[in-house]
N, C-alpha and C. Protein backbone atom coordinates (compact mmCIF):
# COMPACT_ATOMS: atom_id res chain seq x y z
N MET A 1 101.55 73.48 77.51
CA MET A 1 100.63 74.44 77.07
C MET A 1 101.18 75.84 77.22
N GLY A 2 102.10 76.19 76.44
CA GLY A 2 102.66 77.53 76.50
C GLY A 2 103.69 77.61 77.64
N SER A 3 103.88 78.86 78.06
CA SER A 3 104.92 79.06 79.07
C SER A 3 104.30 79.10 80.45
N PHE A 4 103.02 78.84 80.59
CA PHE A 4 102.38 78.86 81.93
C PHE A 4 102.64 77.55 82.65
N SER A 5 102.73 77.63 83.93
CA SER A 5 102.85 76.42 84.74
C SER A 5 101.49 75.86 85.11
N ILE A 6 101.46 74.76 85.76
CA ILE A 6 100.19 74.12 86.11
C ILE A 6 99.41 74.99 87.10
N THR A 7 100.11 75.72 87.99
CA THR A 7 99.39 76.59 88.93
C THR A 7 98.70 77.72 88.22
N HIS A 8 99.33 78.26 87.20
CA HIS A 8 98.66 79.33 86.42
C HIS A 8 97.34 78.79 85.77
N TRP A 9 97.36 77.59 85.19
CA TRP A 9 96.21 76.99 84.56
C TRP A 9 95.13 76.70 85.61
N LEU A 10 95.50 76.26 86.79
CA LEU A 10 94.51 75.97 87.82
C LEU A 10 93.83 77.30 88.28
N ILE A 11 94.58 78.37 88.48
CA ILE A 11 94.06 79.65 88.85
C ILE A 11 93.10 80.13 87.76
N LEU A 12 93.49 80.00 86.54
CA LEU A 12 92.59 80.41 85.44
C LEU A 12 91.37 79.61 85.40
N LEU A 13 91.40 78.27 85.66
CA LEU A 13 90.22 77.45 85.73
C LEU A 13 89.32 77.86 86.82
N VAL A 14 89.84 78.21 88.01
CA VAL A 14 89.00 78.64 89.15
C VAL A 14 88.30 79.96 88.80
N VAL A 15 89.00 80.88 88.19
CA VAL A 15 88.40 82.18 87.75
C VAL A 15 87.28 81.97 86.77
N VAL A 16 87.52 81.10 85.80
CA VAL A 16 86.47 80.81 84.79
C VAL A 16 85.25 80.23 85.43
N VAL A 17 85.41 79.26 86.35
CA VAL A 17 84.27 78.64 87.04
C VAL A 17 83.57 79.67 87.91
N VAL A 18 84.25 80.54 88.58
CA VAL A 18 83.64 81.56 89.41
C VAL A 18 82.82 82.57 88.55
N VAL A 19 83.41 82.94 87.42
CA VAL A 19 82.75 83.98 86.58
C VAL A 19 81.51 83.33 85.89
N PHE A 20 81.67 82.19 85.29
CA PHE A 20 80.61 81.62 84.48
C PHE A 20 79.66 80.66 85.28
N GLY A 21 80.19 80.05 86.28
CA GLY A 21 79.40 79.08 87.03
C GLY A 21 79.40 77.72 86.32
N THR A 22 79.19 76.68 87.17
CA THR A 22 79.32 75.33 86.60
C THR A 22 78.17 74.97 85.67
N SER A 23 77.00 75.51 85.95
CA SER A 23 75.80 75.18 85.10
C SER A 23 76.00 75.74 83.67
N LYS A 24 76.53 76.95 83.60
CA LYS A 24 76.73 77.52 82.25
C LYS A 24 77.82 76.80 81.51
N LEU A 25 78.86 76.34 82.17
CA LEU A 25 79.95 75.59 81.56
C LEU A 25 79.40 74.22 81.12
N ARG A 26 78.56 73.60 81.93
CA ARG A 26 77.97 72.30 81.58
C ARG A 26 77.08 72.45 80.36
N ASN A 27 76.24 73.47 80.35
CA ASN A 27 75.40 73.71 79.20
C ASN A 27 76.23 74.00 77.90
N ALA A 28 77.28 74.75 78.05
CA ALA A 28 78.09 75.03 76.95
C ALA A 28 78.72 73.74 76.36
N GLY A 29 79.13 72.86 77.24
CA GLY A 29 79.68 71.54 76.82
C GLY A 29 78.65 70.74 76.11
N LYS A 30 77.43 70.73 76.60
CA LYS A 30 76.35 69.98 75.92
C LYS A 30 76.02 70.59 74.52
N ASP A 31 76.02 71.91 74.49
CA ASP A 31 75.74 72.55 73.20
C ASP A 31 76.86 72.25 72.18
N LEU A 32 78.11 72.31 72.61
CA LEU A 32 79.21 72.03 71.77
C LEU A 32 79.16 70.57 71.25
N GLY A 33 78.87 69.62 72.18
CA GLY A 33 78.77 68.26 71.79
C GLY A 33 77.59 68.04 70.82
N GLY A 34 76.48 68.68 71.01
CA GLY A 34 75.35 68.59 70.06
C GLY A 34 75.68 69.15 68.69
N ALA A 35 76.44 70.21 68.70
CA ALA A 35 76.87 70.81 67.41
C ALA A 35 77.80 69.89 66.65
N VAL A 36 78.75 69.27 67.33
CA VAL A 36 79.66 68.37 66.69
C VAL A 36 78.93 67.12 66.17
N LYS A 37 77.97 66.63 66.92
CA LYS A 37 77.22 65.48 66.50
C LYS A 37 76.34 65.82 65.29
N GLY A 38 75.71 66.99 65.27
CA GLY A 38 74.95 67.46 64.14
C GLY A 38 75.81 67.60 62.91
N PHE A 39 77.01 68.10 63.08
CA PHE A 39 77.91 68.31 61.92
C PHE A 39 78.30 66.95 61.37
N LYS A 40 78.61 65.97 62.19
CA LYS A 40 78.98 64.67 61.73
C LYS A 40 77.81 64.00 60.94
N GLU A 41 76.63 64.18 61.44
CA GLU A 41 75.42 63.60 60.77
C GLU A 41 75.23 64.26 59.42
N ALA A 42 75.42 65.58 59.38
CA ALA A 42 75.22 66.31 58.12
C ALA A 42 76.26 65.86 57.07
N VAL A 43 77.47 65.65 57.48
CA VAL A 43 78.55 65.22 56.59
C VAL A 43 78.19 63.81 56.09
N LYS A 44 77.75 62.91 56.97
CA LYS A 44 77.35 61.55 56.62
C LYS A 44 76.23 61.55 55.64
N ASP A 45 75.21 62.38 55.86
CA ASP A 45 74.05 62.50 54.96
C ASP A 45 74.48 63.01 53.59
N GLU A 46 75.41 63.97 53.60
CA GLU A 46 75.87 64.57 52.31
C GLU A 46 76.61 63.51 51.49
N ASN A 47 77.42 62.64 52.16
CA ASN A 47 78.12 61.59 51.49
C ASN A 47 77.18 60.55 50.89
N THR A 48 76.13 60.20 51.61
CA THR A 48 75.16 59.23 51.05
C THR A 48 74.39 59.81 49.90
N GLU A 49 74.05 61.10 49.94
CA GLU A 49 73.36 61.72 48.85
C GLU A 49 74.27 61.86 47.61
N HIS A 50 75.52 62.09 47.87
CA HIS A 50 76.49 62.17 46.79
C HIS A 50 76.67 60.80 46.11
N ALA A 51 76.67 59.75 46.95
CA ALA A 51 76.82 58.38 46.37
C ALA A 51 75.59 57.96 45.58
N LYS A 52 74.41 58.42 46.03
CA LYS A 52 73.17 58.14 45.31
C LYS A 52 73.13 58.82 43.93
N LYS A 53 73.76 59.96 43.81
CA LYS A 53 73.74 60.67 42.54
C LYS A 53 74.62 59.99 41.52
N HIS A 54 75.56 59.18 41.98
CA HIS A 54 76.53 58.54 41.04
C HIS A 54 76.19 57.08 40.80
N VAL A 55 74.91 56.72 40.95
CA VAL A 55 74.44 55.36 40.64
C VAL A 55 74.12 55.33 39.15
N VAL A 56 74.59 54.36 38.42
CA VAL A 56 74.40 54.23 37.00
C VAL A 56 73.60 52.96 36.69
N LEU A 57 72.66 53.03 35.84
CA LEU A 57 71.90 51.90 35.47
C LEU A 57 72.46 51.34 34.14
N ASP A 58 72.69 50.00 34.12
CA ASP A 58 73.16 49.41 32.88
C ASP A 58 71.94 49.04 32.02
N HIS A 59 72.19 48.37 30.88
CA HIS A 59 71.10 48.09 29.94
C HIS A 59 70.06 47.12 30.50
N ASP A 60 70.46 46.29 31.48
CA ASP A 60 69.55 45.33 32.04
C ASP A 60 68.72 45.95 33.19
N GLY A 61 69.02 47.19 33.62
CA GLY A 61 68.28 47.86 34.67
C GLY A 61 68.91 47.63 35.98
N ASN A 62 70.07 47.00 36.01
CA ASN A 62 70.75 46.82 37.29
C ASN A 62 71.56 48.03 37.62
N ALA A 63 71.50 48.40 38.90
CA ALA A 63 72.18 49.60 39.39
C ALA A 63 73.57 49.24 39.86
N HIS A 64 74.53 50.07 39.56
CA HIS A 64 75.88 49.95 40.15
C HIS A 64 76.47 51.32 40.27
N THR A 65 77.39 51.47 41.11
CA THR A 65 78.03 52.79 41.32
C THR A 65 78.99 53.07 40.21
N GLU A 66 79.03 54.34 39.89
CA GLU A 66 79.93 54.78 38.77
C GLU A 66 81.33 54.87 39.33
N GLU A 67 82.22 54.15 38.64
CA GLU A 67 83.62 54.19 39.00
C GLU A 67 84.39 55.07 38.03
N ARG A 68 85.03 55.98 38.53
CA ARG A 68 85.85 56.89 37.69
C ARG A 68 87.22 56.26 37.51
N PRO A 69 87.73 56.30 36.29
CA PRO A 69 89.06 55.71 36.11
C PRO A 69 90.12 56.59 36.76
N THR A 70 91.05 55.91 37.40
CA THR A 70 92.14 56.60 38.00
C THR A 70 93.39 56.47 37.15
N THR A 71 94.02 57.53 36.89
CA THR A 71 95.25 57.50 36.09
C THR A 71 96.43 57.80 36.96
N THR A 72 97.43 56.98 36.83
CA THR A 72 98.65 57.21 37.63
C THR A 72 99.83 57.21 36.64
N THR A 73 100.69 58.06 36.89
CA THR A 73 101.91 58.17 36.03
C THR A 73 103.13 57.84 36.88
N LYS A 74 103.94 56.98 36.37
CA LYS A 74 105.17 56.70 37.12
C LYS A 74 106.35 57.19 36.34
N VAL A 75 107.15 57.93 36.99
CA VAL A 75 108.33 58.50 36.34
C VAL A 75 109.54 57.60 36.65
N ASP A 76 110.21 57.17 35.58
CA ASP A 76 111.38 56.33 35.74
C ASP A 76 112.53 57.11 35.31
N ASP A 77 113.44 57.40 36.23
CA ASP A 77 114.61 58.21 35.93
C ASP A 77 115.79 57.39 35.37
N THR A 78 115.68 56.08 35.35
CA THR A 78 116.81 55.29 34.93
C THR A 78 117.03 55.27 33.45
N HIS A 79 116.02 55.68 32.66
CA HIS A 79 116.11 55.59 31.19
C HIS A 79 116.31 57.00 30.53
N ASN A 80 116.74 57.97 31.34
CA ASN A 80 116.94 59.31 30.74
C ASN A 80 118.21 59.29 29.91
N VAL A 81 118.12 59.96 28.79
CA VAL A 81 119.24 59.99 27.86
C VAL A 81 120.00 61.28 27.97
C-alpha cells in the first residue's frame, strides 16, 4: 500500500478511530453496504425491465425474447495476393 510501512498504517488507523469514534465508523460501514446493495438491486431491476421490453409475440401469440443477429467477420491472411 504505497511507501508506508505497517506501523504507519496502524498509527493512521488509531488516529481515525480516535477522531471519528467506532460508532460513526460502524454507521458509515452500514450506510456504504446499504448503498452497494441498493445499487445492485437497481441494476438487476433495470436488466429485467430491459428484457421485458424486448419480448416479441409471434403470430400464435406466444412470447419469446428477441434475438439480435450477431455478425462476425474473420480475416484470413493466407489468401492475400
